[in-house]
PDB file of N, CA and C in Angstrom:
ATOM      1  N   MET A   1     -15.450  14.367  12.719  1.00  0.00           N
ATOM      2  CA  MET A   1     -15.385  13.171  11.647  1.00  0.00           C
ATOM      3  C   MET A   1     -14.888  12.283  12.470  1.00  0.00           C
ATOM      4  N   SER A   2     -14.778  11.319  12.572  1.00  0.00           N
ATOM      5  CA  SER A   2     -14.174  10.229  13.066  1.00  0.00           C
ATOM      6  C   SER A   2     -12.957   9.660  12.272  1.00  0.00           C
ATOM      7  N   PRO A   3     -11.715   9.038  13.359  1.00  0.00           N
ATOM      8  CA  PRO A   3     -10.400   8.792  12.902  1.00  0.00           C
ATOM      9  C   PRO A   3     -10.734   7.995  11.567  1.00  0.00           C
ATOM     10  N   SER A   4     -11.590   6.670  11.746  1.00  0.00           N
ATOM     11  CA  SER A   4     -11.744   5.921  10.562  1.00  0.00           C
ATOM     12  C   SER A   4     -12.328   6.494   9.330  1.00  0.00           C
ATOM     13  N   SER A   5     -13.477   7.490   9.153  1.00  0.00           N
ATOM     14  CA  SER A   5     -13.671   8.360   8.341  1.00  0.00           C
ATOM     15  C   SER A   5     -12.430   9.009   7.753  1.00  0.00           C
ATOM     16  N   ARG A   6     -11.544   9.639   8.556  1.00  0.00           N
ATOM     17  CA  ARG A   6     -10.588  10.406   7.836  1.00  0.00           C
ATOM     18  C   ARG A   6      -9.682   9.570   7.578  1.00  0.00           C
ATOM     19  N   LEU A   7      -9.261   8.485   7.948  1.00  0.00           N
ATOM     20  CA  LEU A   7      -8.645   7.284   7.218  1.00  0.00           C
ATOM     21  C   LEU A   7      -9.042   7.058   5.906  1.00  0.00           C
ATOM     22  N   LEU A   8     -10.147   6.767   5.887  1.00  0.00           N
ATOM     23  CA  LEU A   8     -10.776   5.963   4.724  1.00  0.00           C
ATOM     24  C   LEU A   8     -10.622   7.371   3.474  1.00  0.00           C
ATOM     25  N   LEU A   9     -11.057   8.632   3.908  1.00  0.00           N
ATOM     26  CA  LEU A   9     -10.632   9.623   3.098  1.00  0.00           C
ATOM     27  C   LEU A   9      -9.491  10.051   2.332  1.00  0.00           C
ATOM     28  N   THR A  10      -8.716   9.718   3.370  1.00  0.00           N
ATOM     29  CA  THR A  10      -7.155  10.173   3.128  1.00  0.00           C
ATOM     30  C   THR A  10      -6.764   8.714   2.169  1.00  0.00           C
ATOM     31  N   LEU A  11      -7.183   7.509   2.333  1.00  0.00           N
ATOM     32  CA  LEU A  11      -6.533   6.540   1.418  1.00  0.00           C
ATOM     33  C   LEU A  11      -7.559   6.677  -0.091  1.00  0.00           C
ATOM     34  N   LEU A  12      -8.691   6.973  -0.228  1.00  0.00           N
ATOM     35  CA  LEU A  12      -9.323   7.278  -1.342  1.00  0.00           C
ATOM     36  C   LEU A  12      -8.695   8.215  -2.006  1.00  0.00           C
ATOM     37  N   PHE A  13      -8.430   9.355  -1.127  1.00  0.00           N
ATOM     38  CA  PHE A  13      -7.879  10.725  -1.940  1.00  0.00           C
ATOM     39  C   PHE A  13      -6.587  10.200  -2.554  1.00  0.00           C
ATOM     40  N   CYS A  14      -5.567   9.500  -1.988  1.00  0.00           N
ATOM     41  CA  CYS A  14      -4.366   8.837  -2.650  1.00  0.00           C
ATOM     42  C   CYS A  14      -4.474   7.987  -3.684  1.00  0.00           C
ATOM     43  N   ALA A  15      -5.542   7.081  -3.628  1.00  0.00           N
ATOM     44  CA  ALA A  15      -5.790   6.127  -4.904  1.00  0.00           C
ATOM     45  C   ALA A  15      -6.489   7.013  -5.915  1.00  0.00           C
ATOM     46  N   THR A  16      -7.179   8.319  -5.805  1.00  0.00           N
ATOM     47  CA  THR A  16      -7.493   9.072  -6.902  1.00  0.00           C
ATOM     48  C   THR A  16      -6.402   9.577  -7.415  1.00  0.00           C
ATOM     49  N   ALA A  17      -5.737  10.284  -6.526  1.00  0.00           N
ATOM     50  CA  ALA A  17      -4.521  11.081  -7.490  1.00  0.00           C
ATOM     51  C   ALA A  17      -3.365  10.138  -7.721  1.00  0.00           C
ATOM     52  N   SER A  18      -3.282   8.917  -7.411  1.00  0.00           N
ATOM     53  CA  SER A  18      -2.491   7.782  -7.732  1.00  0.00           C
ATOM     54  C   SER A  18      -2.753   7.591  -9.331  1.00  0.00           C
ATOM     55  N   ALA A  19      -4.164   7.131  -9.207  1.00  0.00           N
ATOM     56  CA  ALA A  19      -4.705   6.867 -10.383  1.00  0.00           C
ATOM     57  C   ALA A  19      -4.909   7.539 -11.581  1.00  0.00           C
ATOM     58  N   ALA A  20      -4.644   9.132 -11.371  1.00  0.00           N
ATOM     59  CA  ALA A  20      -4.855   9.976 -12.310  1.00  0.00           C
ATOM     60  C   ALA A  20      -3.425  10.276 -12.867  1.00  0.00           C
ATOM     61  N   SER A  21      -2.488  10.068 -12.248  1.00  0.00           N
ATOM     62  CA  SER A  21      -1.069  10.151 -12.592  1.00  0.00           C
ATOM     63  C   SER A  21      -0.125   9.022 -12.764  1.00  0.00           C
ATOM     64  N   ALA A  22      -1.049   7.742 -12.928  1.00  0.00           N
ATOM     65  CA  ALA A  22      -0.391   6.399 -13.342  1.00  0.00           C
ATOM     66  C   ALA A  22      -0.231   6.243 -14.339  1.00  0.00           C
ATOM     67  N   GLN A  23       0.752   5.127 -14.603  1.00  0.00           N
ATOM     68  CA  GLN A  23       1.039   4.725 -16.318  1.00  0.00           C
ATOM     69  C   GLN A  23       0.669   3.121 -15.810  1.00  0.00           C
ATOM     70  N   THR A  24       0.193   2.602 -16.804  1.00  0.00           N
ATOM     71  CA  THR A  24       0.301   1.350 -16.660  1.00  0.00           C
ATOM     72  C   THR A  24       1.464   0.654 -17.295  1.00  0.00           C
ATOM     73  N   PRO A  25       2.118  -0.047 -16.547  1.00  0.00           N
ATOM     74  CA  PRO A  25       2.896  -0.875 -16.644  1.00  0.00           C
ATOM     75  C   PRO A  25       3.114  -2.045 -17.952  1.00  0.00           C
ATOM     76  N   ASP A  26       4.130  -2.287 -18.811  1.00  0.00           N
ATOM     77  CA  ASP A  26       3.941  -3.269 -19.844  1.00  0.00           C
ATOM     78  C   ASP A  26       4.188  -4.932 -18.914  1.00  0.00           C
ATOM     79  N   LYS A  27       5.444  -4.512 -18.212  1.00  0.00           N
ATOM     80  CA  LYS A  27       5.930  -5.887 -17.265  1.00  0.00           C
ATOM     81  C   LYS A  27       5.811  -5.446 -16.042  1.00  0.00           C
ATOM     82  N   GLU A  28       6.269  -6.341 -15.048  1.00  0.00           N
ATOM     83  CA  GLU A  28       5.955  -6.071 -14.055  1.00  0.00           C
ATOM     84  C   GLU A  28       7.540  -5.706 -13.585  1.00  0.00           C
ATOM     85  N   THR A  29       7.227  -4.273 -12.543  1.00  0.00           N
ATOM     86  CA  THR A  29       8.095  -3.404 -12.345  1.00  0.00           C
ATOM     87  C   THR A  29       8.666  -4.141 -10.992  1.00  0.00           C
ATOM     88  N   ALA A  30      10.018  -3.765 -10.822  1.00  0.00           N
ATOM     89  CA  ALA A  30      11.113  -4.266  -9.468  1.00  0.00           C
ATOM     90  C   ALA A  30      10.443  -3.382  -8.488  1.00  0.00           C
ATOM     91  N   VAL A  31      10.534  -4.475  -7.226  1.00  0.00           N
ATOM     92  CA  VAL A  31       9.905  -3.352  -5.979  1.00  0.00           C
ATOM     93  C   VAL A  31      10.910  -2.837  -5.293  1.00  0.00           C
ATOM     94  N   ASN A  32      11.046  -1.782  -5.017  1.00  0.00           N
ATOM     95  CA  ASN A  32      12.478  -1.486  -3.965  1.00  0.00           C
ATOM     96  C   ASN A  32      11.807  -0.112  -2.764  1.00  0.00           C
ATOM     97  N   CYS A  33      11.229  -1.228  -1.845  1.00  0.00           N
ATOM     98  CA  CYS A  33      10.552  -0.706  -0.762  1.00  0.00           C
ATOM     99  C   CYS A  33      11.571  -0.030   0.343  1.00  0.00           C
ATOM    100  N   LYS A  34      11.263   1.083   0.807  1.00  0.00           N
ATOM    101  CA  LYS A  34      12.130   1.638   1.760  1.00  0.00           C
ATOM    102  C   LYS A  34      11.608   1.432   3.047  1.00  0.00           C
ATOM    103  N   GLY A  35      12.021   1.938   4.073  1.00  0.00           N
ATOM    104  CA  GLY A  35      11.685   1.970   5.643  1.00  0.00           C
ATOM    105  C   GLY A  35      11.752   0.632   6.511  1.00  0.00           C
ATOM    106  N   PRO A  36      11.346   0.824   7.503  1.00  0.00           N
ATOM    107  CA  PRO A  36      11.645  -0.212   8.384  1.00  0.00           C
ATOM    108  C   PRO A  36      10.967  -1.659   8.137  1.00  0.00           C
ATOM    109  N   PHE A  37       9.701  -1.159   7.283  1.00  0.00           N
ATOM    110  CA  PHE A  37       8.837  -2.685   7.195  1.00  0.00           C
ATOM    111  C   PHE A  37       9.573  -3.000   5.213  1.00  0.00           C
ATOM    112  N   LYS A  38      10.613  -2.887   5.004  1.00  0.00           N
ATOM    113  CA  LYS A  38      10.909  -3.225   3.751  1.00  0.00           C
ATOM    114  C   LYS A  38      10.906  -4.583   3.364  1.00  0.00           C
ATOM    115  N   ALA A  39      11.833  -5.347   4.452  1.00  0.00           N
ATOM    116  CA  ALA A  39      11.531  -6.659   4.135  1.00  0.00           C
ATOM    117  C   ALA A  39      10.106  -7.393   4.286  1.00  0.00           C
ATOM    118  N   LEU A  40       9.187  -7.005   4.570  1.00  0.00           N
ATOM    119  CA  LEU A  40       8.287  -7.718   4.827  1.00  0.00           C
ATOM    120  C   LEU A  40       7.162  -7.075   3.235  1.00  0.00           C
ATOM    121  N   LEU A  41       7.553  -5.848   3.286  1.00  0.00           N
ATOM    122  CA  LEU A  41       6.677  -5.634   1.746  1.00  0.00           C
ATOM    123  C   LEU A  41       7.399  -5.999   0.777  1.00  0.00           C
ATOM    124  N   GLU A  42       8.566  -6.330   0.653  1.00  0.00           N
ATOM    125  CA  GLU A  42       9.105  -6.978  -0.598  1.00  0.00           C
ATOM    126  C   GLU A  42       9.070  -8.340  -0.957  1.00  0.00           C
ATOM    127  N   ALA A  43       8.783  -8.975   0.660  1.00  0.00           N
ATOM    128  CA  ALA A  43       8.496 -10.771   0.781  1.00  0.00           C
ATOM    129  C   ALA A  43       7.289 -10.708   0.125  1.00  0.00           C
ATOM    130  N   SER A  44       6.379  -9.988   0.595  1.00  0.00           N
ATOM    131  CA  SER A  44       4.775  -9.945   0.191  1.00  0.00           C
ATOM    132  C   SER A  44       4.651  -9.899  -1.459  1.00  0.00           C
ATOM    133  N   HIS A  45       5.283  -8.857  -2.113  1.00  0.00           N
ATOM    134  CA  HIS A  45       5.542  -8.689  -3.467  1.00  0.00           C
ATOM    135  C   HIS A  45       5.965  -9.666  -4.258  1.00  0.00           C
ATOM    136  N   ALA A  46       7.372 -10.068  -3.642  1.00  0.00           N
ATOM    137  CA  ALA A  46       7.812 -11.634  -4.326  1.00  0.00           C
ATOM    138  C   ALA A  46       7.372 -12.947  -4.301  1.00  0.00           C
ATOM    139  N   GLU A  47       6.491 -13.164  -3.354  1.00  0.00           N
ATOM    140  CA  GLU A  47       5.693 -14.408  -2.945  1.00  0.00           C
ATOM    141  C   GLU A  47       4.571 -14.259  -3.200  1.00  0.00           C
ATOM    142  N   LYS A  48       3.944 -13.007  -3.376  1.00  0.00           N
ATOM    143  CA  LYS A  48       2.285 -13.011  -3.606  1.00  0.00           C
ATOM    144  C   LYS A  48       1.667 -13.601  -2.271  1.00  0.00           C
ATOM    145  N   ARG A  49       2.479 -13.077  -1.272  1.00  0.00           N
ATOM    146  CA  ARG A  49       1.768 -13.434  -0.139  1.00  0.00           C
ATOM    147  C   ARG A  49       1.002 -12.270   0.805  1.00  0.00           C
ATOM    148  N   GLY A  50       0.013 -12.468   1.158  1.00  0.00           N
ATOM    149  CA  GLY A  50      -0.709 -11.126   1.734  1.00  0.00           C
ATOM    150  C   GLY A  50       0.180 -10.753   3.484  1.00  0.00           C
ATOM    151  N   VAL A  51      -0.200  -9.321   3.257  1.00  0.00           N
ATOM    152  CA  VAL A  51       0.523  -8.689   4.330  1.00  0.00           C
ATOM    153  C   VAL A  51      -0.403  -7.626   5.064  1.00  0.00           C
ATOM    154  N   THR A  52      -0.498  -7.685   6.165  1.00  0.00           N
ATOM    155  CA  THR A  52      -1.501  -6.622   7.179  1.00  0.00           C
ATOM    156  C   THR A  52      -0.725  -5.353   7.337  1.00  0.00           C
ATOM    157  N   LEU A  53      -1.096  -4.106   7.015  1.00  0.00           N
ATOM    158  CA  LEU A  53      -0.450  -2.921   7.412  1.00  0.00           C
ATOM    159  C   LEU A  53      -1.418  -2.623   8.653  1.00  0.00           C
ATOM    160  N   PHE A  54      -1.165  -1.837   9.817  1.00  0.00           N
ATOM    161  CA  PHE A  54      -1.556  -1.232  10.711  1.00  0.00           C
ATOM    162  C   PHE A  54      -1.274   0.314  10.474  1.00  0.00           C
ATOM    163  N   PHE A  55      -2.161   1.115  10.535  1.00  0.00           N
ATOM    164  CA  PHE A  55      -1.978   2.392  10.844  1.00  0.00           C
ATOM    165  C   PHE A  55      -3.490   3.204  11.687  1.00  0.00           C
ATOM    166  N   ASN A  56      -3.081   4.215  12.436  1.00  0.00           N
ATOM    167  CA  ASN A  56      -4.060   4.776  13.164  1.00  0.00           C
ATOM    168  C   ASN A  56      -5.386   3.991  13.739  1.00  0.00           C
ATOM    169  N   GLY A  57      -4.835   2.683  14.308  1.00  0.00           N
ATOM    170  CA  GLY A  57      -6.199   1.967  14.891  1.00  0.00           C
ATOM    171  C   GLY A  57      -6.669   1.117  13.925  1.00  0.00           C
ATOM    172  N   GLN A  58      -6.409   1.226  12.745  1.00  0.00           N
ATOM    173  CA  GLN A  58      -6.954   0.566  11.677  1.00  0.00           C
ATOM    174  C   GLN A  58      -6.135  -0.638  11.266  1.00  0.00           C
ATOM    175  N   SER A  59      -6.591  -1.229  10.411  1.00  0.00           N
ATOM    176  CA  SER A  59      -5.777  -2.404   9.377  1.00  0.00           C
ATOM    177  C   SER A  59      -6.255  -2.673   7.996  1.00  0.00           C
ATOM    178  N   LEU A  60      -5.128  -2.674   7.241  1.00  0.00           N
ATOM    179  CA  LEU A  60      -5.486  -3.269   5.841  1.00  0.00           C
ATOM    180  C   LEU A  60      -4.523  -4.247   5.217  1.00  0.00           C
ATOM    181  N   SER A  61      -5.383  -5.141   4.651  1.00  0.00           N
ATOM    182  CA  SER A  61      -4.858  -6.532   4.078  1.00  0.00           C
ATOM    183  C   SER A  61      -4.406  -6.519   2.657  1.00  0.00           C
ATOM    184  N   GLY A  62      -3.586  -6.881   2.206  1.00  0.00           N
ATOM    185  CA  GLY A  62      -3.460  -7.258   0.823  1.00  0.00           C
ATOM    186  C   GLY A  62      -2.190  -7.517  -0.051  1.00  0.00           C
ATOM    187  N   ILE A  63      -2.027  -7.647  -0.824  1.00  0.00           N
ATOM    188  CA  ILE A  63      -0.552  -7.805  -1.555  1.00  0.00           C
ATOM    189  C   ILE A  63       0.229  -6.509  -2.187  1.00  0.00           C
ATOM    190  N   VAL A  64       1.515  -6.683  -1.950  1.00  0.00           N
ATOM    191  CA  VAL A  64       1.894  -5.716  -2.379  1.00  0.00           C
ATOM    192  C   VAL A  64       2.580  -5.742  -3.829  1.00  0.00           C
ATOM    193  N   THR A  65       1.990  -4.969  -4.546  1.00  0.00           N
ATOM    194  CA  THR A  65       2.084  -4.645  -6.233  1.00  0.00           C
ATOM    195  C   THR A  65       3.201  -3.664  -6.578  1.00  0.00           C
ATOM    196  N   ALA A  66       3.322  -2.673  -6.043  1.00  0.00           N
ATOM    197  CA  ALA A  66       4.624  -1.634  -6.267  1.00  0.00           C
ATOM    198  C   ALA A  66       4.936  -0.866  -5.277  1.00  0.00           C
ATOM    199  N   CYS A  67       6.253  -0.518  -5.307  1.00  0.00           N
ATOM    200  CA  CYS A  67       6.659   0.325  -4.330  1.00  0.00           C
ATOM    201  C   CYS A  67       6.953   1.721  -4.987  1.00  0.00           C
ATOM    202  N   HIS A  68       7.050   2.674  -4.338  1.00  0.00           N
ATOM    203  CA  HIS A  68       7.593   4.350  -5.224  1.00  0.00           C
ATOM    204  C   HIS A  68       8.683   4.800  -4.282  1.00  0.00           C
ATOM    205  N   ASP A  69       9.169   5.676  -5.324  1.00  0.00           N
ATOM    206  CA  ASP A  69      10.502   6.176  -4.135  1.00  0.00           C
ATOM    207  C   ASP A  69       9.846   7.375  -3.279  1.00  0.00           C
ATOM    208  N   ASP A  70       8.342   7.777  -3.878  1.00  0.00           N
ATOM    209  CA  ASP A  70       8.129   9.193  -2.842  1.00  0.00           C
ATOM    210  C   ASP A  70       7.333   8.323  -1.542  1.00  0.00           C
ATOM    211  N   GLY A  71       7.365   7.389  -1.680  1.00  0.00           N
ATOM    212  CA  GLY A  71       6.969   6.367  -0.131  1.00  0.00           C
ATOM    213  C   GLY A  71       5.399   6.035  -0.602  1.00  0.00           C
ATOM    214  N   ARG A  72       5.025   5.636  -1.715  1.00  0.00           N
ATOM    215  CA  ARG A  72       3.833   5.185  -1.694  1.00  0.00           C
ATOM    216  C   ARG A  72       3.695   3.600  -2.075  1.00  0.00           C
ATOM    217  N   ILE A  73       3.133   3.025  -1.532  1.00  0.00           N
ATOM    218  CA  ILE A  73       2.846   1.320  -1.526  1.00  0.00           C
ATOM    219  C   ILE A  73       1.468   0.946  -2.169  1.00  0.00           C
ATOM    220  N   GLU A  74       1.621   0.508  -3.281  1.00  0.00           N
ATOM    221  CA  GLU A  74       0.297  -0.032  -4.300  1.00  0.00           C
ATOM    222  C   GLU A  74       0.153  -1.647  -3.828  1.00  0.00           C
ATOM    223  N   MET A  75      -1.179  -1.689  -3.575  1.00  0.00           N
ATOM    224  CA  MET A  75      -1.561  -3.025  -3.257  1.00  0.00           C
ATOM    225  C   MET A  75      -2.973  -3.349  -3.661  1.00  0.00           C
ATOM    226  N   ARG A  76      -3.455  -4.488  -4.002  1.00  0.00           N
ATOM    227  CA  ARG A  76      -4.715  -5.072  -4.441  1.00  0.00           C
ATOM    228  C   ARG A  76      -5.225  -5.922  -3.252  1.00  0.00           C
ATOM    229  N   SER A  77      -6.484  -6.244  -3.082  1.00  0.00           N
ATOM    230  CA  SER A  77      -6.932  -6.963  -2.131  1.00  0.00           C
ATOM    231  C   SER A  77      -8.173  -7.876  -3.269  1.00  0.00           C
ATOM    232  N   GLN A  78      -8.806  -8.598  -2.137  1.00  0.00           N
ATOM    233  CA  GLN A  78     -10.111  -9.338  -2.695  1.00  0.00           C
ATOM    234  C   GLN A  78     -11.227  -8.225  -2.853  1.00  0.00           C
ATOM    235  N   GLN A  79     -11.125  -7.226  -2.124  1.00  0.00           N
ATOM    236  CA  GLN A  79     -12.360  -6.206  -1.766  1.00  0.00           C
ATOM    237  C   GLN A  79     -11.856  -4.881  -2.919  1.00  0.00           C
ATOM    238  N   PHE A  80     -10.618  -4.850  -3.091  1.00  0.00           N
ATOM    239  CA  PHE A  80     -10.248  -3.578  -3.735  1.00  0.00           C
ATOM    240  C   PHE A  80      -9.080  -4.013  -4.907  1.00  0.00           C
ATOM    241  N   SER A  81      -9.188  -3.502  -6.108  1.00  0.00           N
ATOM    242  CA  SER A  81      -8.415  -3.892  -7.196  1.00  0.00           C
ATOM    243  C   SER A  81      -7.207  -2.629  -6.880  1.00  0.00           C
ATOM    244  N   LYS A  82      -6.938  -1.724  -6.388  1.00  0.00           N
ATOM    245  CA  LYS A  82      -5.998  -0.786  -6.383  1.00  0.00           C
ATOM    246  C   LYS A  82      -6.136  -0.207  -5.091  1.00  0.00           C
ATOM    247  N   VAL A  83      -5.327  -0.044  -4.069  1.00  0.00           N
ATOM    248  CA  VAL A  83      -5.274   0.652  -2.972  1.00  0.00           C
ATOM    249  C   VAL A  83      -3.557   1.221  -2.727  1.00  0.00           C
ATOM    250  N   VAL A  84      -3.636   2.415  -2.467  1.00  0.00           N
ATOM    251  CA  VAL A  84      -2.258   3.199  -2.264  1.00  0.00           C
ATOM    252  C   VAL A  84      -2.058   3.575  -0.982  1.00  0.00           C
ATOM    253  N   VAL A  85      -1.202   3.420  -0.418  1.00  0.00           N
ATOM    254  CA  VAL A  85      -0.786   3.695   1.126  1.00  0.00           C
ATOM    255  C   VAL A  85       0.443   4.417   1.382  1.00  0.00           C
ATOM    256  N   LEU A  86       0.742   5.392   1.839  1.00  0.00           N
ATOM    257  CA  LEU A  86       1.773   6.231   2.454  1.00  0.00           C
ATOM    258  C   LEU A  86       2.733   5.607   3.454  1.00  0.00           C
ATOM    259  N   ALA A  87       3.906   4.891   3.099  1.00  0.00           N
ATOM    260  CA  ALA A  87       4.537   4.286   3.796  1.00  0.00           C
ATOM    261  C   ALA A  87       4.756   5.061   5.198  1.00  0.00           C
ATOM    262  N   ASP A  88       4.672   6.621   5.414  1.00  0.00           N
ATOM    263  CA  ASP A  88       5.069   6.937   6.694  1.00  0.00           C
ATOM    264  C   ASP A  88       4.047   7.116   7.920  1.00  0.00           C
ATOM    265  N   ARG A  89       2.632   6.766   6.808  1.00  0.00           N
ATOM    266  CA  ARG A  89       1.808   6.700   8.202  1.00  0.00           C
ATOM    267  C   ARG A  89       1.486   5.107   8.829  1.00  0.00           C
ATOM    268  N   ILE A  90       2.449   4.015   8.101  1.00  0.00           N
ATOM    269  CA  ILE A  90       2.260   2.679   8.704  1.00  0.00           C
ATOM    270  C   ILE A  90       2.745   2.320  10.249  1.00  0.00           C
ATOM    271  N   ASP A  91       2.094   2.110  11.448  1.00  0.00           N
ATOM    272  CA  ASP A  91       2.447   1.918  12.505  1.00  0.00           C
ATOM    273  C   ASP A  91       3.161   0.568  12.564  1.00  0.00           C
ATOM    274  N   ALA A  92       2.352  -0.569  12.058  1.00  0.00           N
ATOM    275  CA  ALA A  92       3.173  -1.902  12.261  1.00  0.00           C
ATOM    276  C   ALA A  92       2.381  -2.682  10.696  1.00  0.00           C
ATOM    277  N   ALA A  93       3.271  -4.030  10.845  1.00  0.00           N
ATOM    278  CA  ALA A  93       3.272  -4.603   9.807  1.00  0.00           C
ATOM    279  C   ALA A  93       3.179  -6.046  10.005  1.00  0.00           C
ATOM    280  N   ALA A  94       2.510  -7.184   9.242  1.00  0.00           N
ATOM    281  CA  ALA A  94       2.580  -8.426  10.153  1.00  0.00           C
ATOM    282  C   ALA A  94       2.180  -9.259   8.388  1.00  0.00           C
ATOM    283  N   MET A  95       2.826 -10.553   8.358  1.00  0.00           N
ATOM    284  CA  MET A  95       2.528 -11.362   7.312  1.00  0.00           C
ATOM    285  C   MET A  95       2.659 -12.742   8.185  1.00  0.00           C
TER     286      MET A  95
END
């Protein structure tokens, strides 16, 4: 299995697991991102600006919609309505 296929399967699994256990909030929740990319992730959420995350040779662009205490970062983009990324998998971030 190629690294890009493995990455896609990991992202889809995380999105499916998150969607199964997620509850829809009535109002916008505060973002409390952790880790070395905290400033960029919180700025993306506050300013509604896109951020590009790099991991395992791949990149993913979108707007941060939520950060969770367990290290999940929820994003949305033009292509996907919801993407869940694990914070410990991120190699770099750019805005």
